[in-house]
Amino acid sequence: MKFLAAALVFFSITVFGQDVNVPKQVSDAFTKLYPKVTNVKWDKEGKNEYEAGFKYEGKDMTVVFDKNGMPGETETVIQISELPNAVAPYIAKKYPGYKITEADKISDAKGKTLYEAEISKDKIHKDVLFDKAGKPVKK
């Protein structure tokens, strides 16, 4: 019980010690989903959304919550090799000379999953979205 109390105090300091004033229902919702995460960086997304950035099970993640604490989009950094197989050939064909520099798995609140390939060529950077099969998706 002492550990739980200490963890909650530490989490509160981590959440509220930053420039973003995170509503209690949002921080409580985050704690319920990720009870063992202690180092969270909060950002404000638009007028009524809050984004938590953190490391979970060794992976960098972000989760967006609305002002009532309802989670929305979750983004997890993945290995480029974890992208669907069709992504690399598509990038090579449609974006000659570009290299995939980072990959993310994105899940919305309804469980729909997309993959994002961040690509670069010289000083140009783009994000290209794909479905689970590796087909490009316009957002």
C-alpha atoms as a PDB file:
ATOM      1  CA  MET A   1       0.000   0.000   0.000  1.00  0.00           C
ATOM      2  CA  LYS A   2       2.884   2.375   0.777  1.00  0.00           C
ATOM      3  CA  PHE A   3       4.329   1.676  -2.678  1.00  0.00           C
ATOM      4  CA  LEU A   4       1.020   2.582  -4.336  1.00  0.00           C
ATOM      5  CA  ALA A   5       0.779   5.832  -2.388  1.00  0.00           C
ATOM      6  CA  ALA A   6       4.379   6.729  -3.243  1.00  0.00           C
ATOM      7  CA  ALA A   7       3.807   5.902  -6.903  1.00  0.00           C
ATOM      8  CA  LEU A   8       0.704   8.090  -7.018  1.00  0.00           C
ATOM      9  CA  VAL A   9       2.540  11.000  -5.416  1.00  0.00           C
ATOM     10  CA  PHE A  10       5.451  10.617  -7.848  1.00  0.00           C
ATOM     11  CA  PHE A  11       3.058  10.362 -10.799  1.00  0.00           C
ATOM     12  CA  SER A  12       1.200  13.485  -9.669  1.00  0.00           C
ATOM     13  CA  ILE A  13       4.451  15.402  -9.406  1.00  0.00           C
ATOM     14  CA  THR A  14       5.504  14.154 -12.846  1.00  0.00           C
ATOM     15  CA  VAL A  15       2.184  15.090 -14.433  1.00  0.00           C
ATOM     16  CA  PHE A  16       1.539  18.373 -12.721  1.00  0.00           C
ATOM     17  CA  GLY A  17       5.153  19.507 -12.455  1.00  0.00           C
ATOM     18  CA  GLN A  18       5.164  20.395 -16.139  1.00  0.00           C
ATOM     19  CA  ASP A  19       3.805  23.446 -17.947  1.00  0.00           C
ATOM     20  CA  VAL A  20       0.598  21.703 -19.036  1.00  0.00           C
ATOM     21  CA  ASN A  21      -2.219  21.723 -16.503  1.00  0.00           C
ATOM     22  CA  VAL A  22      -3.647  18.230 -16.980  1.00  0.00           C
ATOM     23  CA  PRO A  23      -7.187  17.733 -15.626  1.00  0.00           C
ATOM     24  CA  LYS A  24      -7.486  15.126 -12.864  1.00  0.00           C
ATOM     25  CA  GLN A  25      -9.840  12.938 -14.911  1.00  0.00           C
ATOM     26  CA  VAL A  26      -7.206  12.813 -17.679  1.00  0.00           C
ATOM     27  CA  SER A  27      -4.317  11.907 -15.361  1.00  0.00           C
ATOM     28  CA  ASP A  28      -6.523   9.340 -13.575  1.00  0.00           C
ATOM     29  CA  ALA A  29      -7.458   7.754 -16.929  1.00  0.00           C
ATOM     30  CA  PHE A  30      -3.789   7.557 -17.875  1.00  0.00           C
ATOM     31  CA  THR A  31      -2.868   5.959 -14.528  1.00  0.00           C
ATOM     32  CA  LYS A  32      -5.631   3.386 -14.956  1.00  0.00           C
ATOM     33  CA  LEU A  33      -4.321   2.396 -18.412  1.00  0.00           C
ATOM     34  CA  TYR A  34      -0.606   2.534 -17.561  1.00  0.00           C
ATOM     35  CA  PRO A  35      -0.256   2.117 -13.772  1.00  0.00           C
ATOM     36  CA  LYS A  36       3.495   1.375 -13.848  1.00  0.00           C
ATOM     37  CA  VAL A  37       4.526   4.327 -16.031  1.00  0.00           C
ATOM     38  CA  THR A  38       6.124   7.120 -14.022  1.00  0.00           C
ATOM     39  CA  ASN A  39       7.924   9.445 -16.426  1.00  0.00           C
ATOM     40  CA  VAL A  40       5.233  11.148 -18.529  1.00  0.00           C
ATOM     41  CA  LYS A  41       5.590  14.258 -20.662  1.00  0.00           C
ATOM     42  CA  TRP A  42       2.276  16.021 -21.249  1.00  0.00           C
ATOM     43  CA  ASP A  43       1.458  18.316 -24.157  1.00  0.00           C
ATOM     44  CA  LYS A  44      -1.720  20.127 -25.039  1.00  0.00           C
ATOM     45  CA  GLU A  45      -3.278  19.059 -28.348  1.00  0.00           C
ATOM     46  CA  GLY A  46      -5.733  21.652 -29.615  1.00  0.00           C
ATOM     47  CA  LYS A  47      -8.230  23.142 -27.157  1.00  0.00           C
ATOM     48  CA  ASN A  48      -9.506  20.039 -25.390  1.00  0.00           C
ATOM     49  CA  GLU A  49      -6.993  17.241 -25.852  1.00  0.00           C
ATOM     50  CA  TYR A  50      -3.912  16.175 -23.923  1.00  0.00           C
ATOM     51  CA  GLU A  51      -1.089  14.030 -25.223  1.00  0.00           C
ATOM     52  CA  ALA A  52       0.938  11.836 -22.890  1.00  0.00           C
ATOM     53  CA  GLY A  53       4.396  10.868 -24.134  1.00  0.00           C
ATOM     54  CA  PHE A  54       6.141   8.013 -22.320  1.00  0.00           C
ATOM     55  CA  LYS A  55       8.089   4.778 -22.580  1.00  0.00           C
ATOM     56  CA  TYR A  56       6.149   1.530 -22.077  1.00  0.00           C
ATOM     57  CA  GLU A  57       7.670  -1.930 -22.262  1.00  0.00           C
ATOM     58  CA  GLY A  58      10.754  -0.417 -23.876  1.00  0.00           C
ATOM     59  CA  LYS A  59       8.869   1.430 -26.626  1.00  0.00           C
ATOM     60  CA  ASP A  60       8.242   5.151 -27.068  1.00  0.00           C
ATOM     61  CA  MET A  61       4.518   5.875 -27.088  1.00  0.00           C
ATOM     62  CA  THR A  62       1.989   8.680 -27.094  1.00  0.00           C
ATOM     63  CA  VAL A  63      -1.689   8.572 -26.155  1.00  0.00           C
ATOM     64  CA  VAL A  64      -4.136  11.401 -26.744  1.00  0.00           C
ATOM     65  CA  PHE A  65      -6.957  11.939 -24.229  1.00  0.00           C
ATOM     66  CA  ASP A  66      -9.935  14.241 -24.477  1.00  0.00           C
ATOM     67  CA  LYS A  67     -10.677  16.623 -21.581  1.00  0.00           C
ATOM     68  CA  ASN A  68     -12.912  13.983 -19.963  1.00  0.00           C
ATOM     69  CA  GLY A  69     -10.149  11.367 -19.892  1.00  0.00           C
ATOM     70  CA  MET A  70     -11.351   9.305 -22.848  1.00  0.00           C
ATOM     71  CA  PRO A  71      -8.350   7.872 -24.710  1.00  0.00           C
ATOM     72  CA  GLY A  72      -8.148   8.403 -28.433  1.00  0.00           C
ATOM     73  CA  GLU A  73      -5.214   7.754 -30.721  1.00  0.00           C
ATOM     74  CA  THR A  74      -2.249   5.724 -29.477  1.00  0.00           C
ATOM     75  CA  GLU A  75       1.021   5.898 -31.379  1.00  0.00           C
ATOM     76  CA  THR A  76       3.878   3.459 -30.784  1.00  0.00           C
ATOM     77  CA  VAL A  77       7.312   3.682 -32.360  1.00  0.00           C
ATOM     78  CA  ILE A  78       8.134   0.356 -34.011  1.00  0.00           C
ATOM     79  CA  GLN A  79      11.057  -1.110 -35.908  1.00  0.00           C
ATOM     80  CA  ILE A  80      10.985  -0.373 -39.653  1.00  0.00           C
ATOM     81  CA  SER A  81      10.988  -4.134 -40.169  1.00  0.00           C
ATOM     82  CA  GLU A  82       7.617  -4.293 -38.367  1.00  0.00           C
ATOM     83  CA  LEU A  83       5.873  -2.313 -41.123  1.00  0.00           C
ATOM     84  CA  PRO A  84       3.638  -4.413 -43.402  1.00  0.00           C
ATOM     85  CA  ASN A  85       5.657  -6.108 -46.165  1.00  0.00           C
ATOM     86  CA  ALA A  86       4.106  -4.036 -48.960  1.00  0.00           C
ATOM     87  CA  VAL A  87       5.292  -0.695 -47.519  1.00  0.00           C
ATOM     88  CA  ALA A  88       8.956  -0.736 -48.575  1.00  0.00           C
ATOM     89  CA  PRO A  89       8.246  -1.636 -52.251  1.00  0.00           C
ATOM     90  CA  TYR A  90       5.529   1.057 -52.382  1.00  0.00           C
ATOM     91  CA  ILE A  91       7.904   3.701 -50.992  1.00  0.00           C
ATOM     92  CA  ALA A  92      10.663   2.638 -53.425  1.00  0.00           C
ATOM     93  CA  LYS A  93       8.284   2.935 -56.392  1.00  0.00           C
ATOM     94  CA  LYS A  94       6.314   6.074 -55.461  1.00  0.00           C
ATOM     95  CA  TYR A  95       9.100   7.973 -53.680  1.00  0.00           C
ATOM     96  CA  PRO A  96      12.368   7.181 -55.509  1.00  0.00           C
ATOM     97  CA  GLY A  97      15.433   8.161 -53.501  1.00  0.00           C
ATOM     98  CA  TYR A  98      13.510   8.391 -50.202  1.00  0.00           C
ATOM     99  CA  LYS A  99      14.528   6.294 -47.237  1.00  0.00           C
ATOM    100  CA  ILE A 100      12.237   5.098 -44.427  1.00  0.00           C
ATOM    101  CA  THR A 101      13.704   6.709 -41.313  1.00  0.00           C
ATOM    102  CA  GLU A 102      11.106   5.817 -38.667  1.00  0.00           C
ATOM    103  CA  ALA A 103       7.975   3.731 -38.302  1.00  0.00           C
ATOM    104  CA  ASP A 104       4.929   4.006 -36.044  1.00  0.00           C
ATOM    105  CA  LYS A 105       1.888   1.880 -35.318  1.00  0.00           C
ATOM    106  CA  ILE A 106      -1.204   4.034 -34.770  1.00  0.00           C
ATOM    107  CA  SER A 107      -4.402   2.769 -33.145  1.00  0.00           C
ATOM    108  CA  ASP A 108      -7.548   4.829 -32.781  1.00  0.00           C
ATOM    109  CA  ALA A 109     -10.140   4.533 -30.000  1.00  0.00           C
ATOM    110  CA  LYS A 110     -12.182   2.071 -32.076  1.00  0.00           C
ATOM    111  CA  GLY A 111      -9.223  -0.270 -32.515  1.00  0.00           C
ATOM    112  CA  LYS A 112      -8.461   0.595 -36.156  1.00  0.00           C
ATOM    113  CA  THR A 113      -4.736   0.231 -36.820  1.00  0.00           C
ATOM    114  CA  LEU A 114      -2.643   2.206 -39.284  1.00  0.00           C
ATOM    115  CA  TYR A 115       1.082   2.270 -39.901  1.00  0.00           C
ATOM    116  CA  GLU A 116       3.093   5.408 -40.535  1.00  0.00           C
ATOM    117  CA  ALA A 117       6.346   5.396 -42.469  1.00  0.00           C
ATOM    118  CA  GLU A 118       8.374   8.541 -41.984  1.00  0.00           C
ATOM    119  CA  ILE A 119      10.465   9.023 -45.106  1.00  0.00           C
ATOM    120  CA  SER A 120      13.306  11.409 -45.953  1.00  0.00           C
ATOM    121  CA  LYS A 121      15.276  12.541 -48.979  1.00  0.00           C
ATOM    122  CA  ASP A 122      17.866  15.260 -48.548  1.00  0.00           C
ATOM    123  CA  LYS A 123      16.055  17.831 -46.355  1.00  0.00           C
ATOM    124  CA  ILE A 124      12.546  16.729 -47.330  1.00  0.00           C
ATOM    125  CA  HIS A 125      10.538  14.712 -44.793  1.00  0.00           C
ATOM    126  CA  LYS A 126       7.119  13.120 -45.286  1.00  0.00           C
ATOM    127  CA  ASP A 127       4.785  10.819 -43.401  1.00  0.00           C
ATOM    128  CA  VAL A 128       2.952   8.158 -45.393  1.00  0.00           C
ATOM    129  CA  LEU A 129       0.100   6.129 -43.860  1.00  0.00           C
ATOM    130  CA  PHE A 130      -0.763   2.512 -44.601  1.00  0.00           C
ATOM    131  CA  ASP A 131      -3.410   0.012 -43.535  1.00  0.00           C
ATOM    132  CA  LYS A 132      -2.589  -3.411 -42.055  1.00  0.00           C
ATOM    133  CA  ALA A 133      -2.143  -4.866 -45.549  1.00  0.00           C
ATOM    134  CA  GLY A 134       0.337  -2.158 -46.521  1.00  0.00           C
ATOM    135  CA  LYS A 135      -2.012  -0.244 -48.809  1.00  0.00           C
ATOM    136  CA  PRO A 136      -1.568   3.551 -48.694  1.00  0.00           C
ATOM    137  CA  VAL A 137      -4.216   5.496 -46.777  1.00  0.00           C
ATOM    138  CA  LYS A 138      -5.068   9.169 -47.196  1.00  0.00           C
ATOM    139  CA  LYS A 139      -5.751  10.990 -43.948  1.00  0.00           C
END
